[in-house]
PDB file of N, CA and C in Angstrom:
ATOM      1  N   ARG A   1       7.230  30.875 -17.900  1.00  0.00           N
ATOM      2  CA  ARG A   1       6.724  31.421 -19.135  1.00  0.00           C
ATOM      3  C   ARG A   1       6.504  30.323 -20.168  1.00  0.00           C
ATOM      4  N   HIS A   2       7.384  29.357 -20.217  1.00  0.00           N
ATOM      5  CA  HIS A   2       7.268  28.322 -21.237  1.00  0.00           C
ATOM      6  C   HIS A   2       6.652  27.036 -20.713  1.00  0.00           C
ATOM      7  N   GLY A   3       6.299  26.990 -19.444  1.00  0.00           N
ATOM      8  CA  GLY A   3       5.634  25.821 -18.900  1.00  0.00           C
ATOM      9  C   GLY A   3       6.536  24.622 -18.695  1.00  0.00           C
ATOM     10  N   ILE A   4       7.836  24.850 -18.582  1.00  0.00           N
ATOM     11  CA  ILE A   4       8.768  23.751 -18.413  1.00  0.00           C
ATOM     12  C   ILE A   4       8.814  23.334 -16.941  1.00  0.00           C
ATOM     13  N   GLY A   5       8.696  22.057 -16.697  1.00  0.00           N
ATOM     14  CA  GLY A   5       8.776  21.533 -15.348  1.00  0.00           C
ATOM     15  C   GLY A   5      10.158  20.969 -15.074  1.00  0.00           C
ATOM     16  N   ALA A   6      10.289  20.319 -13.946  1.00  0.00           N
ATOM     17  CA  ALA A   6      11.577  19.729 -13.578  1.00  0.00           C
ATOM     18  C   ALA A   6      11.364  18.586 -12.604  1.00  0.00           C
ATOM     19  N   LYS A   7      12.292  17.673 -12.613  1.00  0.00           N
ATOM     20  CA  LYS A   7      12.348  16.595 -11.630  1.00  0.00           C
ATOM     21  C   LYS A   7      13.608  16.863 -10.818  1.00  0.00           C
ATOM     22  N   ILE A   8      13.428  17.252  -9.553  1.00  0.00           N
ATOM     23  CA  ILE A   8      14.539  17.717  -8.735  1.00  0.00           C
ATOM     24  C   ILE A   8      14.845  16.747  -7.610  1.00  0.00           C
ATOM     25  N   LYS A   9      16.120  16.441  -7.476  1.00  0.00           N
ATOM     26  CA  LYS A   9      16.597  15.627  -6.371  1.00  0.00           C
ATOM     27  C   LYS A   9      17.311  16.569  -5.419  1.00  0.00           C
ATOM     28  N   LEU A  10      16.767  16.690  -4.216  1.00  0.00           N
ATOM     29  CA  LEU A  10      17.363  17.606  -3.245  1.00  0.00           C
ATOM     30  C   LEU A  10      18.647  17.022  -2.684  1.00  0.00           C
ATOM     31  N   PRO A  11      19.654  17.855  -2.472  1.00  0.00           N
ATOM     32  CA  PRO A  11      20.904  17.360  -1.900  1.00  0.00           C
ATOM     33  C   PRO A  11      20.718  16.938  -0.446  1.00  0.00           C
ATOM     34  N   VAL A  12      21.603  16.109   0.016  1.00  0.00           N
ATOM     35  CA  VAL A  12      21.560  15.643   1.395  1.00  0.00           C
ATOM     36  C   VAL A  12      22.768  16.214   2.116  1.00  0.00           C
ATOM     37  N   ASP A  13      22.539  16.734   3.302  1.00  0.00           N
ATOM     38  CA  ASP A  13      23.596  17.324   4.094  1.00  0.00           C
ATOM     39  C   ASP A  13      23.833  16.459   5.321  1.00  0.00           C
ATOM     40  N   MET A  14      24.978  15.787   5.372  1.00  0.00           N
ATOM     41  CA  MET A  14      25.335  14.923   6.502  1.00  0.00           C
ATOM     42  C   MET A  14      24.265  13.881   6.795  1.00  0.00           C
ATOM     43  N   GLY A  15      23.696  13.315   5.754  1.00  0.00           N
ATOM     44  CA  GLY A  15      22.727  12.253   5.914  1.00  0.00           C
ATOM     45  C   GLY A  15      21.311  12.731   6.188  1.00  0.00           C
ATOM     46  N   LYS A  16      21.103  14.028   6.276  1.00  0.00           N
ATOM     47  CA  LYS A  16      19.770  14.562   6.536  1.00  0.00           C
ATOM     48  C   LYS A  16      19.369  15.469   5.381  1.00  0.00           C
ATOM     49  N   PRO A  17      18.087  15.430   4.961  1.00  0.00           N
ATOM     50  CA  PRO A  17      17.663  16.347   3.897  1.00  0.00           C
ATOM     51  C   PRO A  17      17.836  17.796   4.342  1.00  0.00           C
ATOM     52  N   VAL A  18      18.228  18.638   3.411  1.00  0.00           N
ATOM     53  CA  VAL A  18      18.370  20.056   3.736  1.00  0.00           C
ATOM     54  C   VAL A  18      17.004  20.654   4.031  1.00  0.00           C
ATOM     55  N   GLN A  19      16.982  21.813   4.654  1.00  0.00           N
ATOM     56  CA  GLN A  19      15.721  22.505   4.897  1.00  0.00           C
ATOM     57  C   GLN A  19      15.154  22.906   3.532  1.00  0.00           C
ATOM     58  N   VAL A  20      14.102  22.224   3.127  1.00  0.00           N
ATOM     59  CA  VAL A  20      13.583  22.362   1.768  1.00  0.00           C
ATOM     60  C   VAL A  20      13.216  23.804   1.418  1.00  0.00           C
ATOM     61  N   PHE A  21      12.462  24.455   2.267  1.00  0.00           N
ATOM     62  CA  PHE A  21      12.009  25.809   1.927  1.00  0.00           C
ATOM     63  C   PHE A  21      13.181  26.763   1.752  1.00  0.00           C
ATOM     64  N   SER A  22      14.094  26.768   2.712  1.00  0.00           N
ATOM     65  CA  SER A  22      15.211  27.716   2.613  1.00  0.00           C
ATOM     66  C   SER A  22      16.114  27.374   1.432  1.00  0.00           C
ATOM     67  N   TYR A  23      16.260  26.098   1.132  1.00  0.00           N
ATOM     68  CA  TYR A  23      17.106  25.704   0.009  1.00  0.00           C
ATOM     69  C   TYR A  23      16.494  26.144  -1.322  1.00  0.00           C
ATOM     70  N   LEU A  24      15.199  25.897  -1.493  1.00  0.00           N
ATOM     71  CA  LEU A  24      14.560  26.200  -2.767  1.00  0.00           C
ATOM     72  C   LEU A  24      14.115  27.651  -2.899  1.00  0.00           C
ATOM     73  N   CYS A  25      13.817  28.300  -1.809  1.00  0.00           N
ATOM     74  CA  CYS A  25      13.238  29.641  -1.879  1.00  0.00           C
ATOM     75  C   CYS A  25      14.106  30.717  -1.253  1.00  0.00           C
ATOM     76  N   GLY A  26      15.262  30.349  -0.741  1.00  0.00           N
ATOM     77  CA  GLY A  26      16.142  31.332  -0.128  1.00  0.00           C
ATOM     78  C   GLY A  26      16.578  32.381  -1.133  1.00  0.00           C
ATOM     79  N   GLU A  27      16.803  33.571  -0.639  1.00  0.00           N
ATOM     80  CA  GLU A  27      17.217  34.667  -1.505  1.00  0.00           C
ATOM     81  C   GLU A  27      18.679  35.000  -1.305  1.00  0.00           C
ATOM     82  N   ASP A  28      19.495  33.958  -1.156  1.00  0.00           N
ATOM     83  CA  ASP A  28      20.928  34.154  -1.021  1.00  0.00           C
ATOM     84  C   ASP A  28      21.466  34.866  -2.257  1.00  0.00           C
ATOM     85  N   GLN A  29      22.549  35.573  -2.071  1.00  0.00           N
ATOM     86  CA  GLN A  29      23.172  36.260  -3.190  1.00  0.00           C
ATOM     87  C   GLN A  29      23.911  35.260  -4.085  1.00  0.00           C
ATOM     88  N   ALA A  30      23.952  35.582  -5.353  1.00  0.00           N
ATOM     89  CA  ALA A  30      24.741  34.849  -6.344  1.00  0.00           C
ATOM     90  C   ALA A  30      24.353  33.392  -6.502  1.00  0.00           C
ATOM     91  N   ARG A  31      23.074  33.110  -6.525  1.00  0.00           N
ATOM     92  CA  ARG A  31      22.602  31.766  -6.862  1.00  0.00           C
ATOM     93  C   ARG A  31      21.951  31.845  -8.232  1.00  0.00           C
ATOM     94  N   TYR A  32      22.280  30.898  -9.075  1.00  0.00           N
ATOM     95  CA  TYR A  32      21.719  30.867 -10.413  1.00  0.00           C
ATOM     96  C   TYR A  32      21.249  29.472 -10.723  1.00  0.00           C
ATOM     97  N   LEU A  33      20.146  29.376 -11.426  1.00  0.00           N
ATOM     98  CA  LEU A  33      19.623  28.093 -11.879  1.00  0.00           C
ATOM     99  C   LEU A  33      19.749  28.080 -13.394  1.00  0.00           C
ATOM    100  N   LEU A  34      20.476  27.095 -13.894  1.00  0.00           N
ATOM    101  CA  LEU A  34      20.714  26.985 -15.332  1.00  0.00           C
ATOM    102  C   LEU A  34      20.121  25.697 -15.859  1.00  0.00           C
ATOM    103  N   THR A  35      19.704  25.738 -17.097  1.00  0.00           N
ATOM    104  CA  THR A  35      19.390  24.499 -17.803  1.00  0.00           C
ATOM    105  C   THR A  35      20.389  24.380 -18.946  1.00  0.00           C
ATOM    106  N   VAL A  36      20.973  23.216 -19.048  1.00  0.00           N
ATOM    107  CA  VAL A  36      21.940  22.963 -20.116  1.00  0.00           C
ATOM    108  C   VAL A  36      21.679  21.591 -20.710  1.00  0.00           C
ATOM    109  N   ASP A  37      22.076  21.444 -21.930  1.00  0.00           N
ATOM    110  CA  ASP A  37      21.983  20.154 -22.582  1.00  0.00           C
ATOM    111  C   ASP A  37      22.757  19.132 -21.762  1.00  0.00           C
ATOM    112  N   SER A  38      22.188  17.963 -21.570  1.00  0.00           N
ATOM    113  CA  SER A  38      22.844  16.960 -20.715  1.00  0.00           C
ATOM    114  C   SER A  38      24.246  16.603 -21.202  1.00  0.00           C
ATOM    115  N   GLY A  39      24.493  16.723 -22.485  1.00  0.00           N
ATOM    116  CA  GLY A  39      25.811  16.435 -23.024  1.00  0.00           C
ATOM    117  C   GLY A  39      26.853  17.507 -22.697  1.00  0.00           C
ATOM    118  N   LYS A  40      26.406  18.650 -22.208  1.00  0.00           N
ATOM    119  CA  LYS A  40      27.323  19.748 -21.890  1.00  0.00           C
ATOM    120  C   LYS A  40      27.465  19.986 -20.387  1.00  0.00           C
ATOM    121  N   ALA A  41      26.702  19.270 -19.586  1.00  0.00           N
ATOM    122  CA  ALA A  41      26.704  19.502 -18.142  1.00  0.00           C
ATOM    123  C   ALA A  41      28.067  19.198 -17.512  1.00  0.00           C
ATOM    124  N   ALA A  42      28.714  18.140 -17.925  1.00  0.00           N
ATOM    125  CA  ALA A  42      30.007  17.774 -17.336  1.00  0.00           C
ATOM    126  C   ALA A  42      31.059  18.853 -17.608  1.00  0.00           C
ATOM    127  N   GLU A  43      31.073  19.405 -18.797  1.00  0.00           N
ATOM    128  CA  GLU A  43      32.025  20.460 -19.132  1.00  0.00           C
ATOM    129  C   GLU A  43      31.730  21.730 -18.333  1.00  0.00           C
ATOM    130  N   LEU A  44      30.446  22.065 -18.185  1.00  0.00           N
ATOM    131  CA  LEU A  44      30.081  23.241 -17.390  1.00  0.00           C
ATOM    132  C   LEU A  44      30.510  23.058 -15.933  1.00  0.00           C
ATOM    133  N   GLU A  45      30.298  21.868 -15.406  1.00  0.00           N
ATOM    134  CA  GLU A  45      30.716  21.582 -14.026  1.00  0.00           C
ATOM    135  C   GLU A  45      32.234  21.717 -13.884  1.00  0.00           C
ATOM    136  N   LYS A  46      32.971  21.207 -14.841  1.00  0.00           N
ATOM    137  CA  LYS A  46      34.429  21.289 -14.818  1.00  0.00           C
ATOM    138  C   LYS A  46      34.880  22.752 -14.825  1.00  0.00           C
ATOM    139  N   GLN A  47      34.283  23.568 -15.675  1.00  0.00           N
ATOM    140  CA  GLN A  47      34.652  24.975 -15.762  1.00  0.00           C
ATOM    141  C   GLN A  47      34.270  25.718 -14.481  1.00  0.00           C
ATOM    142  N   ALA A  48      33.126  25.417 -13.927  1.00  0.00           N
ATOM    143  CA  ALA A  48      32.695  26.082 -12.688  1.00  0.00           C
ATOM    144  C   ALA A  48      33.657  25.765 -11.555  1.00  0.00           C
ATOM    145  N   LYS A  49      33.994  24.497 -11.408  1.00  0.00           N
ATOM    146  CA  LYS A  49      34.905  24.098 -10.334  1.00  0.00           C
ATOM    147  C   LYS A  49      36.284  24.711 -10.517  1.00  0.00           C
ATOM    148  N   ALA A  50      36.752  24.805 -11.757  1.00  0.00           N
ATOM    149  CA  ALA A  50      38.050  25.424 -12.026  1.00  0.00           C
ATOM    150  C   ALA A  50      38.044  26.901 -11.646  1.00  0.00           C
ATOM    151  N   ALA A  51      36.873  27.518 -11.725  1.00  0.00           N
ATOM    152  CA  ALA A  51      36.750  28.933 -11.358  1.00  0.00           C
ATOM    153  C   ALA A  51      36.392  29.122  -9.890  1.00  0.00           C
ATOM    154  N   GLY A  52      36.294  28.031  -9.142  1.00  0.00           N
ATOM    155  CA  GLY A  52      35.964  28.131  -7.726  1.00  0.00           C
ATOM    156  C   GLY A  52      34.493  28.381  -7.457  1.00  0.00           C
ATOM    157  N   VAL A  53      33.655  28.040  -8.409  1.00  0.00           N
ATOM    158  CA  VAL A  53      32.212  28.250  -8.284  1.00  0.00           C
ATOM    159  C   VAL A  53      31.541  26.941  -7.876  1.00  0.00           C
ATOM    160  N   THR A  54      30.733  27.009  -6.830  1.00  0.00           N
ATOM    161  CA  THR A  54      29.993  25.817  -6.402  1.00  0.00           C
ATOM    162  C   THR A  54      29.009  25.425  -7.497  1.00  0.00           C
ATOM    163  N   PHE A  55      28.941  24.141  -7.785  1.00  0.00           N
ATOM    164  CA  PHE A  55      28.100  23.629  -8.869  1.00  0.00           C
ATOM    165  C   PHE A  55      27.351  22.415  -8.349  1.00  0.00           C
ATOM    166  N   THR A  56      26.037  22.434  -8.473  1.00  0.00           N
ATOM    167  CA  THR A  56      25.220  21.307  -8.019  1.00  0.00           C
ATOM    168  C   THR A  56      24.238  20.944  -9.107  1.00  0.00           C
ATOM    169  N   VAL A  57      24.190  19.680  -9.481  1.00  0.00           N
ATOM    170  CA  VAL A  57      23.188  19.196 -10.424  1.00  0.00           C
ATOM    171  C   VAL A  57      21.944  18.885  -9.597  1.00  0.00           C
ATOM    172  N   LEU A  58      20.846  19.567  -9.913  1.00  0.00           N
ATOM    173  CA  LEU A  58      19.603  19.376  -9.158  1.00  0.00           C
ATOM    174  C   LEU A  58      18.688  18.333  -9.777  1.00  0.00           C
ATOM    175  N   GLY A  59      18.733  18.190 -11.083  1.00  0.00           N
ATOM    176  CA  GLY A  59      17.826  17.245 -11.714  1.00  0.00           C
ATOM    177  C   GLY A  59      17.739  17.482 -13.200  1.00  0.00           C
ATOM    178  N   THR A  60      16.567  17.179 -13.744  1.00  0.00           N
ATOM    179  CA  THR A  60      16.351  17.297 -15.181  1.00  0.00           C
ATOM    180  C   THR A  60      15.037  18.035 -15.441  1.00  0.00           C
ATOM    181  N   THR A  61      14.961  18.645 -16.618  1.00  0.00           N
ATOM    182  CA  THR A  61      13.710  19.284 -16.998  1.00  0.00           C
ATOM    183  C   THR A  61      12.751  18.239 -17.542  1.00  0.00           C
ATOM    184  N   GLN A  62      11.480  18.577 -17.483  1.00  0.00           N
ATOM    185  CA  GLN A  62      10.455  17.707 -18.059  1.00  0.00           C
ATOM    186  C   GLN A  62       9.287  18.579 -18.494  1.00  0.00           C
ATOM    187  N   LYS A  63       8.299  17.970 -19.065  1.00  0.00           N
ATOM    188  CA  LYS A  63       7.251  18.723 -19.745  1.00  0.00           C
ATOM    189  C   LYS A  63       6.548  19.790 -18.900  1.00  0.00           C
ATOM    190  N   ASP A  64       5.710  19.453 -17.958  1.00  0.00           N
ATOM    191  CA  ASP A  64       4.875  20.484 -17.336  1.00  0.00           C
ATOM    192  C   ASP A  64       4.588  20.251 -15.854  1.00  0.00           C
ATOM    193  N   VAL A  65       5.450  19.492 -15.196  1.00  0.00           N
ATOM    194  CA  VAL A  65       5.247  19.181 -13.781  1.00  0.00           C
ATOM    195  C   VAL A  65       6.552  19.432 -13.028  1.00  0.00           C
ATOM    196  N   LEU A  66       6.437  20.038 -11.848  1.00  0.00           N
ATOM    197  CA  LEU A  66       7.572  20.178 -10.966  1.00  0.00           C
ATOM    198  C   LEU A  66       7.475  19.071  -9.929  1.00  0.00           C
ATOM    199  N   GLU A  67       8.478  18.215  -9.873  1.00  0.00           N
ATOM    200  CA  GLU A  67       8.503  17.107  -8.925  1.00  0.00           C
ATOM    201  C   GLU A  67       9.732  17.204  -8.044  1.00  0.00           C
ATOM    202  N   LEU A  68       9.527  17.067  -6.748  1.00  0.00           N
ATOM    203  CA  LEU A  68      10.630  16.989  -5.804  1.00  0.00           C
ATOM    204  C   LEU A  68      10.710  15.561  -5.310  1.00  0.00           C
ATOM    205  N   ASP A  69      11.912  15.106  -5.026  1.00  0.00           N
ATOM    206  CA  ASP A  69      12.074  13.718  -4.606  1.00  0.00           C
ATOM    207  C   ASP A  69      11.495  13.427  -3.224  1.00  0.00           C
ATOM    208  N   ILE A  70      10.907  14.422  -2.604  1.00  0.00           N
ATOM    209  CA  ILE A  70      10.280  14.213  -1.300  1.00  0.00           C
ATOM    210  C   ILE A  70       8.786  13.974  -1.469  1.00  0.00           C
ATOM    211  N   THR A  71       8.429  13.383  -2.584  1.00  0.00           N
ATOM    212  CA  THR A  71       7.051  13.049  -2.946  1.00  0.00           C
ATOM    213  C   THR A  71       6.141  14.264  -3.059  1.00  0.00           C
ATOM    214  N   CYS A  72       6.643  15.298  -3.667  1.00  0.00           N
ATOM    215  CA  CYS A  72       5.861  16.497  -3.934  1.00  0.00           C
ATOM    216  C   CYS A  72       5.815  16.681  -5.444  1.00  0.00           C
ATOM    217  N   SER A  73       4.621  16.921  -5.953  1.00  0.00           N
ATOM    218  CA  SER A  73       4.460  17.101  -7.384  1.00  0.00           C
ATOM    219  C   SER A  73       3.353  18.137  -7.622  1.00  0.00           C
ATOM    220  N   VAL A  74       3.619  19.096  -8.500  1.00  0.00           N
ATOM    221  CA  VAL A  74       2.627  20.129  -8.804  1.00  0.00           C
ATOM    222  C   VAL A  74       2.782  20.531 -10.267  1.00  0.00           C
ATOM    223  N   LYS A  75       1.650  20.767 -10.901  1.00  0.00           N
ATOM    224  CA  LYS A  75       1.678  21.198 -12.293  1.00  0.00           C
ATOM    225  C   LYS A  75       2.205  22.624 -12.387  1.00  0.00           C
ATOM    226  N   VAL A  76       3.010  22.884 -13.392  1.00  0.00           N
ATOM    227  CA  VAL A  76       3.570  24.214 -13.598  1.00  0.00           C
ATOM    228  C   VAL A  76       2.447  25.225 -13.799  1.00  0.00           C
ATOM    229  N   ALA A  77       1.387  24.861 -14.482  1.00  0.00           N
ATOM    230  CA  ALA A  77       0.254  25.775 -14.693  1.00  0.00           C
ATOM    231  C   ALA A  77      -0.363  26.200 -13.363  1.00  0.00           C
ATOM    232  N   ASP A  78      -0.437  25.281 -12.403  1.00  0.00           N
ATOM    233  CA  ASP A  78      -0.985  25.620 -11.085  1.00  0.00           C
ATOM    234  C   ASP A  78      -0.055  26.572 -10.332  1.00  0.00           C
ATOM    235  N   LEU A  79       1.255  26.368 -10.471  1.00  0.00           N
ATOM    236  CA  LEU A  79       2.211  27.276  -9.852  1.00  0.00           C
ATOM    237  C   LEU A  79       2.088  28.683 -10.448  1.00  0.00           C
ATOM    238  N   ARG A  80       1.968  28.740 -11.768  1.00  0.00           N
ATOM    239  CA  ARG A  80       1.831  30.034 -12.443  1.00  0.00           C
ATOM    240  C   ARG A  80       0.560  30.740 -11.980  1.00  0.00           C
ATOM    241  N   LYS A  81      -0.533  30.007 -11.911  1.00  0.00           N
ATOM    242  CA  LYS A  81      -1.806  30.589 -11.483  1.00  0.00           C
ATOM    243  C   LYS A  81      -1.686  31.153 -10.063  1.00  0.00           C
ATOM    244  N   ALA A  82      -1.129  30.389  -9.149  1.00  0.00           N
ATOM    245  CA  ALA A  82      -0.975  30.845  -7.767  1.00  0.00           C
ATOM    246  C   ALA A  82      -0.079  32.081  -7.698  1.00  0.00           C
ATOM    247  N   ASN A  83       0.964  32.109  -8.488  1.00  0.00           N
ATOM    248  CA  ASN A  83       1.892  33.239  -8.482  1.00  0.00           C
ATOM    249  C   ASN A  83       1.250  34.505  -9.057  1.00  0.00           C
ATOM    250  N   GLU A  84       0.514  34.354 -10.135  1.00  0.00           N
ATOM    251  CA  GLU A  84      -0.025  35.519 -10.819  1.00  0.00           C
ATOM    252  C   GLU A  84      -1.332  36.032 -10.232  1.00  0.00           C
ATOM    253  N   GLU A  85      -2.078  35.184  -9.519  1.00  0.00           N
ATOM    254  CA  GLU A  85      -3.393  35.589  -9.038  1.00  0.00           C
ATOM    255  C   GLU A  85      -3.434  35.970  -7.564  1.00  0.00           C
ATOM    256  N   TRP A  86      -2.393  35.689  -6.798  1.00  0.00           N
ATOM    257  CA  TRP A  86      -2.508  35.914  -5.362  1.00  0.00           C
ATOM    258  C   TRP A  86      -2.619  37.396  -5.010  1.00  0.00           C
ATOM    259  N   MET A  87      -1.823  38.256  -5.658  1.00  0.00           N
ATOM    260  CA  MET A  87      -1.843  39.673  -5.306  1.00  0.00           C
ATOM    261  C   MET A  87      -3.198  40.328  -5.647  1.00  0.00           C
ATOM    262  N   PRO A  88      -3.740  40.142  -6.859  1.00  0.00           N
ATOM    263  CA  PRO A  88      -5.053  40.726  -7.118  1.00  0.00           C
ATOM    264  C   PRO A  88      -6.123  40.192  -6.143  1.00  0.00           C
ATOM    265  N   GLY A  89      -6.035  38.923  -5.793  1.00  0.00           N
ATOM    266  CA  GLY A  89      -6.984  38.361  -4.839  1.00  0.00           C
ATOM    267  C   GLY A  89      -6.811  38.962  -3.442  1.00  0.00           C
ATOM    268  N   PHE A  90      -5.587  39.183  -3.054  1.00  0.00           N
ATOM    269  CA  PHE A  90      -5.297  39.786  -1.763  1.00  0.00           C
ATOM    270  C   PHE A  90      -5.792  41.216  -1.685  1.00  0.00           C
ATOM    271  N   MET A  91      -5.620  41.944  -2.778  1.00  0.00           N
ATOM    272  CA  MET A  91      -6.010  43.361  -2.811  1.00  0.00           C
ATOM    273  C   MET A  91      -7.517  43.545  -2.960  1.00  0.00           C
ATOM    274  N   ALA A  92      -8.238  42.528  -3.388  1.00  0.00           N
ATOM    275  CA  ALA A  92      -9.687  42.654  -3.637  1.00  0.00           C
ATOM    276  C   ALA A  92     -10.485  42.834  -2.377  1.00  0.00           C
TER     277      ALA A  92
END
């Protein structure tokens, strides 16, 4: 909605990159993506771990591009267009 992008570093599992699609698009229960001020991230991580909640820092926000460390980059506007226009196009 606000056109905010991100620079994401994917976690590594036992020296191998995780399955990108399932990691980013999986519909597992109880997954949340938060944005917090960088000065508050350490405290949030501490509180999450104290509560037994898995906490992973994925990256940082940026103006209008989504970048993955696997050399993938796409404008947020293009993602929005693809998301909002595919169903009407499919139904046409």
